[in-house]
Amino acid sequence: MIGEGELAERVVVPTATMAWSPRAGVEEKLLEHLHDGGLRRTALVRLAPGATLPAIGDDGCTDILVLAGELRDDRLVYASGAFLHVPVGERTLFTAAGCTLFVKDRPARRRVRHVLDTRMVVFEPSYVAGLWAAPLHEDLDGRVVLLRFDPGTVIGPHHHDDGEEFFVLQGEVRDELGSYATHCWVRQPPASSHSVASAGGCLFLTFAHHLQGIRGSGVRTRS
């Protein structure tokens, strides 16, 4: 678990090497849990058939990407590939058959609901040849985007004024400090910079501008 006061540090967590831990009737791999004007908590969560996703806190919003299986509420079914940005506690979320989720709880100035199927999104060319972007959600608290690299794509040195976080869904990406394989989670602090490349191509979920007002200070890598 990432401790208090470390949002200003760079963190790398290769989740493939982590064990699942039981919590409140579910299994999870906890990536961060801290407070900065509200709860920030990120985890991989595995729900057994019939389990309910625990609501964490009583404020803010939760970003969920269904990695496998399906998630439900009292109205809808969210299959593998569904992305949800929902107010904490708005609806009870559960699974009938079991599922694996990427779950991020974070502060929100506007508690809004936004749901889409990432299997249907359209990737548009970005500012570098071979880089493709599919925006999933954007508000006052940041921007959530799927980024896809064609094999051999290179992004030169660039700056993250308000930080960046990414979770690798497929393939591998690397920068000057290391390489990040499938299901690796990386948090770049505000005021950080790096170059990024993918020899074989990759797809990852990224959060940008969500660490506004936090001053970057260091590097921390966990394996």
C-alpha atoms as a PDB file:
ATOM      1  CA  MET A   1       0.000   0.000   0.000  1.00  0.00           C
ATOM      2  CA  ILE A   2       1.195   3.527  -0.813  1.00  0.00           C
ATOM      3  CA  GLY A   3       1.317   5.644   2.338  1.00  0.00           C
ATOM      4  CA  GLU A   4       0.184   9.109   3.340  1.00  0.00           C
ATOM      5  CA  GLY A   5       1.807  12.185   1.855  1.00  0.00           C
ATOM      6  CA  GLU A   6       3.300  10.490  -1.211  1.00  0.00           C
ATOM      7  CA  LEU A   7       1.213  11.918  -4.043  1.00  0.00           C
ATOM      8  CA  ALA A   8       4.196  14.071  -4.962  1.00  0.00           C
ATOM      9  CA  GLU A   9       6.370  10.988  -5.594  1.00  0.00           C
ATOM     10  CA  ARG A  10       6.664   8.800  -8.639  1.00  0.00           C
ATOM     11  CA  VAL A  11       5.341   5.302  -7.928  1.00  0.00           C
ATOM     12  CA  VAL A  12       5.576   2.098  -9.974  1.00  0.00           C
ATOM     13  CA  VAL A  13       3.611  -1.025  -8.978  1.00  0.00           C
ATOM     14  CA  PRO A  14       3.905  -4.188 -11.141  1.00  0.00           C
ATOM     15  CA  THR A  15       0.659  -5.745  -9.987  1.00  0.00           C
ATOM     16  CA  ALA A  16       1.333  -9.099 -11.670  1.00  0.00           C
ATOM     17  CA  THR A  17       3.771  -9.910  -8.838  1.00  0.00           C
ATOM     18  CA  MET A  18       1.341  -8.951  -6.050  1.00  0.00           C
ATOM     19  CA  ALA A  19      -0.804 -11.392  -4.085  1.00  0.00           C
ATOM     20  CA  TRP A  20      -4.554 -10.858  -3.770  1.00  0.00           C
ATOM     21  CA  SER A  21      -5.568  -9.752  -0.260  1.00  0.00           C
ATOM     22  CA  PRO A  22      -9.027 -10.296   1.277  1.00  0.00           C
ATOM     23  CA  ARG A  23     -10.978  -7.214   2.386  1.00  0.00           C
ATOM     24  CA  ALA A  24     -14.677  -6.847   3.240  1.00  0.00           C
ATOM     25  CA  GLY A  25     -15.609 -10.034   1.425  1.00  0.00           C
ATOM     26  CA  VAL A  26     -13.649  -9.261  -1.758  1.00  0.00           C
ATOM     27  CA  GLU A  27     -10.064  -9.712  -2.949  1.00  0.00           C
ATOM     28  CA  GLU A  28      -7.902  -6.795  -3.974  1.00  0.00           C
ATOM     29  CA  LYS A  29      -4.433  -5.564  -4.883  1.00  0.00           C
ATOM     30  CA  LEU A  30      -4.185  -2.162  -3.212  1.00  0.00           C
ATOM     31  CA  LEU A  31      -2.111   0.414  -5.122  1.00  0.00           C
ATOM     32  CA  GLU A  32      -2.705   3.580  -3.113  1.00  0.00           C
ATOM     33  CA  HIS A  33      -4.780   4.739  -0.156  1.00  0.00           C
ATOM     34  CA  LEU A  34      -4.289   8.276   1.096  1.00  0.00           C
ATOM     35  CA  HIS A  35      -6.061  11.548   1.741  1.00  0.00           C
ATOM     36  CA  ASP A  36      -5.500  14.817  -0.091  1.00  0.00           C
ATOM     37  CA  GLY A  37      -8.599  16.984   0.130  1.00  0.00           C
ATOM     38  CA  GLY A  38     -10.542  13.721   0.016  1.00  0.00           C
ATOM     39  CA  LEU A  39      -9.886  10.019  -0.313  1.00  0.00           C
ATOM     40  CA  ARG A  40      -7.650   8.780  -3.120  1.00  0.00           C
ATOM     41  CA  ARG A  41      -7.708   5.004  -3.342  1.00  0.00           C
ATOM     42  CA  THR A  42      -6.712   2.812  -6.281  1.00  0.00           C
ATOM     43  CA  ALA A  43      -6.939  -0.977  -6.451  1.00  0.00           C
ATOM     44  CA  LEU A  44      -7.459  -4.020  -8.590  1.00  0.00           C
ATOM     45  CA  VAL A  45     -10.553  -5.738  -7.199  1.00  0.00           C
ATOM     46  CA  ARG A  46     -11.765  -9.293  -7.742  1.00  0.00           C
ATOM     47  CA  LEU A  47     -15.383 -10.064  -6.864  1.00  0.00           C
ATOM     48  CA  ALA A  48     -16.624 -13.621  -6.412  1.00  0.00           C
ATOM     49  CA  PRO A  49     -20.047 -14.536  -7.832  1.00  0.00           C
ATOM     50  CA  GLY A  50     -22.740 -12.802  -5.809  1.00  0.00           C
ATOM     51  CA  ALA A  51     -20.344 -10.309  -4.162  1.00  0.00           C
ATOM     52  CA  THR A  52     -20.997  -6.576  -3.793  1.00  0.00           C
ATOM     53  CA  LEU A  53     -18.379  -3.889  -4.466  1.00  0.00           C
ATOM     54  CA  PRO A  54     -17.834  -2.050  -1.163  1.00  0.00           C
ATOM     55  CA  ALA A  55     -18.471   1.709  -1.304  1.00  0.00           C
ATOM     56  CA  ILE A  56     -15.399   3.516   0.042  1.00  0.00           C
ATOM     57  CA  GLY A  57     -16.026   6.823   1.783  1.00  0.00           C
ATOM     58  CA  ASP A  58     -19.147   8.947   1.395  1.00  0.00           C
ATOM     59  CA  ASP A  59     -18.004  11.612  -1.052  1.00  0.00           C
ATOM     60  CA  GLY A  60     -16.174  11.962  -4.355  1.00  0.00           C
ATOM     61  CA  CYS A  61     -16.445   9.755  -7.425  1.00  0.00           C
ATOM     62  CA  THR A  62     -15.269   6.305  -8.440  1.00  0.00           C
ATOM     63  CA  ASP A  63     -13.730   5.363 -11.795  1.00  0.00           C
ATOM     64  CA  ILE A  64     -14.180   1.697 -12.695  1.00  0.00           C
ATOM     65  CA  LEU A  65     -12.925  -0.270 -15.693  1.00  0.00           C
ATOM     66  CA  VAL A  66     -14.336  -3.801 -15.957  1.00  0.00           C
ATOM     67  CA  LEU A  67     -11.350  -5.958 -16.909  1.00  0.00           C
ATOM     68  CA  ALA A  68     -13.139  -9.346 -16.939  1.00  0.00           C
ATOM     69  CA  GLY A  69     -16.588 -10.696 -16.159  1.00  0.00           C
ATOM     70  CA  GLU A  70     -19.489  -8.342 -15.585  1.00  0.00           C
ATOM     71  CA  LEU A  71     -20.639  -5.820 -12.980  1.00  0.00           C
ATOM     72  CA  ARG A  72     -24.294  -4.900 -12.284  1.00  0.00           C
ATOM     73  CA  ASP A  73     -26.515  -2.458 -10.485  1.00  0.00           C
ATOM     74  CA  ASP A  74     -30.291  -2.546 -10.052  1.00  0.00           C
ATOM     75  CA  ARG A  75     -30.804  -1.295 -13.624  1.00  0.00           C
ATOM     76  CA  LEU A  76     -27.907  -2.188 -15.898  1.00  0.00           C
ATOM     77  CA  VAL A  77     -25.242  -4.787 -16.638  1.00  0.00           C
ATOM     78  CA  TYR A  78     -21.681  -3.607 -17.322  1.00  0.00           C
ATOM     79  CA  ALA A  79     -19.731  -6.170 -19.330  1.00  0.00           C
ATOM     80  CA  SER A  80     -15.982  -6.490 -19.771  1.00  0.00           C
ATOM     81  CA  GLY A  81     -14.705  -3.235 -21.262  1.00  0.00           C
ATOM     82  CA  ALA A  82     -17.263  -0.999 -19.541  1.00  0.00           C
ATOM     83  CA  PHE A  83     -15.973   2.250 -18.010  1.00  0.00           C
ATOM     84  CA  LEU A  84     -17.911   3.944 -15.211  1.00  0.00           C
ATOM     85  CA  HIS A  85     -17.372   7.331 -13.558  1.00  0.00           C
ATOM     86  CA  VAL A  86     -19.982   7.410 -10.804  1.00  0.00           C
ATOM     87  CA  PRO A  87     -20.620   9.254  -7.515  1.00  0.00           C
ATOM     88  CA  VAL A  88     -19.588   7.172  -4.507  1.00  0.00           C
ATOM     89  CA  GLY A  89     -22.588   5.312  -3.108  1.00  0.00           C
ATOM     90  CA  GLU A  90     -24.972   6.372  -5.890  1.00  0.00           C
ATOM     91  CA  ARG A  91     -25.964   2.769  -6.615  1.00  0.00           C
ATOM     92  CA  THR A  92     -25.064  -0.614  -5.196  1.00  0.00           C
ATOM     93  CA  LEU A  93     -22.722  -2.426  -7.574  1.00  0.00           C
ATOM     94  CA  PHE A  94     -22.500  -6.223  -7.531  1.00  0.00           C
ATOM     95  CA  THR A  95     -21.745  -9.205  -9.733  1.00  0.00           C
ATOM     96  CA  ALA A  96     -23.745 -12.330 -10.465  1.00  0.00           C
ATOM     97  CA  ALA A  97     -20.999 -14.349 -12.156  1.00  0.00           C
ATOM     98  CA  GLY A  98     -17.809 -12.709 -10.796  1.00  0.00           C
ATOM     99  CA  CYS A  99     -15.561  -9.991 -12.219  1.00  0.00           C
ATOM    100  CA  THR A 100     -12.181  -8.262 -12.039  1.00  0.00           C
ATOM    101  CA  LEU A 101     -12.078  -4.458 -11.873  1.00  0.00           C
ATOM    102  CA  PHE A 102      -9.678  -1.520 -11.883  1.00  0.00           C
ATOM    103  CA  VAL A 103     -11.185   0.831  -9.272  1.00  0.00           C
ATOM    104  CA  LYS A 104     -10.131   4.397  -8.453  1.00  0.00           C
ATOM    105  CA  ASP A 105     -11.817   6.508  -5.753  1.00  0.00           C
ATOM    106  CA  ARG A 106     -10.898  10.205  -5.878  1.00  0.00           C
ATOM    107  CA  PRO A 107     -12.113  13.650  -4.809  1.00  0.00           C
ATOM    108  CA  ALA A 108     -14.696  15.314  -7.067  1.00  0.00           C
ATOM    109  CA  ARG A 109     -15.860  18.905  -7.255  1.00  0.00           C
ATOM    110  CA  ARG A 110     -18.835  17.759  -9.351  1.00  0.00           C
ATOM    111  CA  ARG A 111     -20.406  14.380  -8.628  1.00  0.00           C
ATOM    112  CA  VAL A 112     -21.565  13.282 -12.066  1.00  0.00           C
ATOM    113  CA  ARG A 113     -22.321   9.928 -13.680  1.00  0.00           C
ATOM    114  CA  HIS A 114     -20.778   8.866 -16.983  1.00  0.00           C
ATOM    115  CA  VAL A 115     -20.757   5.336 -18.440  1.00  0.00           C
ATOM    116  CA  LEU A 116     -19.514   3.985 -21.764  1.00  0.00           C
ATOM    117  CA  ASP A 117     -18.323   0.813 -23.470  1.00  0.00           C
ATOM    118  CA  THR A 118     -14.627   1.117 -24.318  1.00  0.00           C
ATOM    119  CA  ARG A 119     -15.003  -1.619 -26.945  1.00  0.00           C
ATOM    120  CA  MET A 120     -17.027   0.870 -28.990  1.00  0.00           C
ATOM    121  CA  VAL A 121     -14.860   3.985 -28.616  1.00  0.00           C
ATOM    122  CA  VAL A 122     -13.177   5.544 -31.643  1.00  0.00           C
ATOM    123  CA  PHE A 123      -9.438   6.166 -31.411  1.00  0.00           C
ATOM    124  CA  GLU A 124      -8.303   9.391 -33.031  1.00  0.00           C
ATOM    125  CA  PRO A 125      -4.728  10.178 -34.121  1.00  0.00           C
ATOM    126  CA  SER A 126      -2.871  12.210 -31.521  1.00  0.00           C
ATOM    127  CA  TYR A 127       0.029  14.657 -31.767  1.00  0.00           C
ATOM    128  CA  VAL A 128       2.660  11.969 -32.484  1.00  0.00           C
ATOM    129  CA  ALA A 129       2.622   9.501 -35.372  1.00  0.00           C
ATOM    130  CA  GLY A 130       1.513   6.086 -34.115  1.00  0.00           C
ATOM    131  CA  LEU A 131      -0.205   7.450 -30.986  1.00  0.00           C
ATOM    132  CA  TRP A 132      -4.008   7.153 -30.773  1.00  0.00           C
ATOM    133  CA  ALA A 133      -6.350   8.548 -28.123  1.00  0.00           C
ATOM    134  CA  ALA A 134      -9.930   7.766 -27.054  1.00  0.00           C
ATOM    135  CA  PRO A 135     -11.223  10.162 -24.338  1.00  0.00           C
ATOM    136  CA  LEU A 136     -13.446   8.448 -21.755  1.00  0.00           C
ATOM    137  CA  HIS A 137     -14.274  11.258 -19.319  1.00  0.00           C
ATOM    138  CA  GLU A 138     -13.215  14.838 -18.565  1.00  0.00           C
ATOM    139  CA  ASP A 139     -14.241  17.243 -15.804  1.00  0.00           C
ATOM    140  CA  LEU A 140     -12.764  19.794 -13.377  1.00  0.00           C
ATOM    141  CA  ASP A 141     -10.828  17.042 -11.619  1.00  0.00           C
ATOM    142  CA  GLY A 142      -8.957  15.581 -14.550  1.00  0.00           C
ATOM    143  CA  ARG A 143      -9.120  13.683 -17.811  1.00  0.00           C
ATOM    144  CA  VAL A 144      -9.429   9.928 -18.384  1.00  0.00           C
ATOM    145  CA  VAL A 145      -8.214   8.607 -21.741  1.00  0.00           C
ATOM    146  CA  LEU A 146      -7.369   5.308 -23.415  1.00  0.00           C
ATOM    147  CA  LEU A 147      -4.043   5.618 -25.250  1.00  0.00           C
ATOM    148  CA  ARG A 148      -2.890   3.184 -27.898  1.00  0.00           C
ATOM    149  CA  PHE A 149       0.664   2.971 -29.259  1.00  0.00           C
ATOM    150  CA  ASP A 150       1.369   1.360 -32.599  1.00  0.00           C
ATOM    151  CA  PRO A 151       4.534  -0.813 -32.571  1.00  0.00           C
ATOM    152  CA  GLY A 152       7.631   1.403 -32.617  1.00  0.00           C
ATOM    153  CA  THR A 153       5.863   4.570 -31.455  1.00  0.00           C
ATOM    154  CA  VAL A 154       8.077   7.056 -29.599  1.00  0.00           C
ATOM    155  CA  ILE A 155       6.980  10.176 -27.704  1.00  0.00           C
ATOM    156  CA  GLY A 156       9.880  12.540 -27.050  1.00  0.00           C
ATOM    157  CA  PRO A 157      10.501  14.438 -23.811  1.00  0.00           C
ATOM    158  CA  HIS A 158       7.298  15.956 -22.414  1.00  0.00           C
ATOM    159  CA  HIS A 159       6.185  17.541 -19.145  1.00  0.00           C
ATOM    160  CA  HIS A 160       3.329  16.648 -16.781  1.00  0.00           C
ATOM    161  CA  ASP A 161       2.508  19.886 -14.994  1.00  0.00           C
ATOM    162  CA  ASP A 162      -0.420  18.339 -13.084  1.00  0.00           C
ATOM    163  CA  GLY A 163       0.757  14.756 -12.943  1.00  0.00           C
ATOM    164  CA  GLU A 164      -0.233  11.627 -14.824  1.00  0.00           C
ATOM    165  CA  GLU A 165      -1.164   8.079 -13.907  1.00  0.00           C
ATOM    166  CA  PHE A 166      -1.433   5.060 -16.192  1.00  0.00           C
ATOM    167  CA  PHE A 167      -2.402   1.398 -15.989  1.00  0.00           C
ATOM    168  CA  VAL A 168      -1.143  -0.843 -18.788  1.00  0.00           C
ATOM    169  CA  LEU A 169      -3.935  -2.961 -20.270  1.00  0.00           C
ATOM    170  CA  GLN A 170      -2.031  -4.662 -23.094  1.00  0.00           C
ATOM    171  CA  GLY A 171       1.575  -4.806 -24.248  1.00  0.00           C
ATOM    172  CA  GLU A 172       4.510  -2.938 -22.759  1.00  0.00           C
ATOM    173  CA  VAL A 173       5.675   0.676 -22.604  1.00  0.00           C
ATOM    174  CA  ARG A 174       8.974   2.096 -21.368  1.00  0.00           C
ATOM    175  CA  ASP A 175      10.671   5.350 -20.425  1.00  0.00           C
ATOM    176  CA  GLU A 176      14.093   6.376 -19.101  1.00  0.00           C
ATOM    177  CA  LEU A 177      13.400   4.796 -15.705  1.00  0.00           C
ATOM    178  CA  GLY A 178      12.121   1.371 -16.703  1.00  0.00           C
ATOM    179  CA  SER A 179       9.656  -0.774 -18.613  1.00  0.00           C
ATOM    180  CA  TYR A 180       6.014  -1.392 -17.666  1.00  0.00           C
ATOM    181  CA  ALA A 181       4.246  -4.571 -18.706  1.00  0.00           C
ATOM    182  CA  THR A 182       0.562  -5.519 -18.713  1.00  0.00           C
ATOM    183  CA  HIS A 183      -1.216  -4.543 -15.461  1.00  0.00           C
ATOM    184  CA  CYS A 184       1.633  -2.350 -14.261  1.00  0.00           C
ATOM    185  CA  TRP A 185       0.443   0.876 -12.560  1.00  0.00           C
ATOM    186  CA  VAL A 186       2.530   4.062 -12.689  1.00  0.00           C
ATOM    187  CA  ARG A 187       1.967   7.468 -11.112  1.00  0.00           C
ATOM    188  CA  GLN A 188       3.988  10.390 -12.479  1.00  0.00           C
ATOM    189  CA  PRO A 189       4.052  13.344 -10.010  1.00  0.00           C
ATOM    190  CA  PRO A 190       3.324  16.950 -11.011  1.00  0.00           C
ATOM    191  CA  ALA A 191       6.228  18.764 -12.669  1.00  0.00           C
ATOM    192  CA  SER A 192       7.724  15.470 -13.897  1.00  0.00           C
ATOM    193  CA  SER A 193       8.958  14.756 -17.405  1.00  0.00           C
ATOM    194  CA  HIS A 194       9.956  11.716 -19.439  1.00  0.00           C
ATOM    195  CA  SER A 195      10.095  10.169 -22.913  1.00  0.00           C
ATOM    196  CA  VAL A 196       7.925   7.142 -23.703  1.00  0.00           C
ATOM    197  CA  ALA A 197       8.217   4.366 -26.290  1.00  0.00           C
ATOM    198  CA  SER A 198       6.638   1.004 -27.113  1.00  0.00           C
ATOM    199  CA  ALA A 199       8.504  -1.430 -29.333  1.00  0.00           C
ATOM    200  CA  GLY A 200       5.641  -3.910 -29.714  1.00  0.00           C
ATOM    201  CA  GLY A 201       2.657  -1.594 -29.194  1.00  0.00           C
ATOM    202  CA  CYS A 202       0.477  -1.179 -26.123  1.00  0.00           C
ATOM    203  CA  LEU A 203      -2.834   0.029 -24.742  1.00  0.00           C
ATOM    204  CA  PHE A 204      -3.224   1.799 -21.426  1.00  0.00           C
ATOM    205  CA  LEU A 205      -5.694   3.719 -19.295  1.00  0.00           C
ATOM    206  CA  THR A 206      -4.408   7.130 -18.262  1.00  0.00           C
ATOM    207  CA  PHE A 207      -5.500   9.828 -15.809  1.00  0.00           C
ATOM    208  CA  ALA A 208      -4.168  13.339 -16.480  1.00  0.00           C
ATOM    209  CA  HIS A 209      -4.334  16.645 -14.578  1.00  0.00           C
ATOM    210  CA  HIS A 210      -5.829  14.866 -11.545  1.00  0.00           C
ATOM    211  CA  LEU A 211      -3.024  15.963  -9.181  1.00  0.00           C
ATOM    212  CA  GLN A 212      -3.503  19.678  -9.635  1.00  0.00           C
ATOM    213  CA  GLY A 213      -1.845  21.837  -6.974  1.00  0.00           C
ATOM    214  CA  ILE A 214       0.478  19.076  -5.713  1.00  0.00           C
ATOM    215  CA  ARG A 215       4.214  19.694  -5.932  1.00  0.00           C
ATOM    216  CA  GLY A 216       6.321  16.835  -7.238  1.00  0.00           C
ATOM    217  CA  SER A 217       9.254  15.821  -5.037  1.00  0.00           C
ATOM    218  CA  GLY A 218      10.675  12.404  -5.679  1.00  0.00           C
ATOM    219  CA  VAL A 219      10.724   8.849  -6.976  1.00  0.00           C
ATOM    220  CA  ARG A 220       9.534   5.647  -5.332  1.00  0.00           C
ATOM    221  CA  THR A 221       9.460   2.254  -7.043  1.00  0.00           C
ATOM    222  CA  ARG A 222       7.815  -0.806  -5.523  1.00  0.00           C
ATOM    223  CA  SER A 223       8.092  -4.360  -6.799  1.00  0.00           C
END
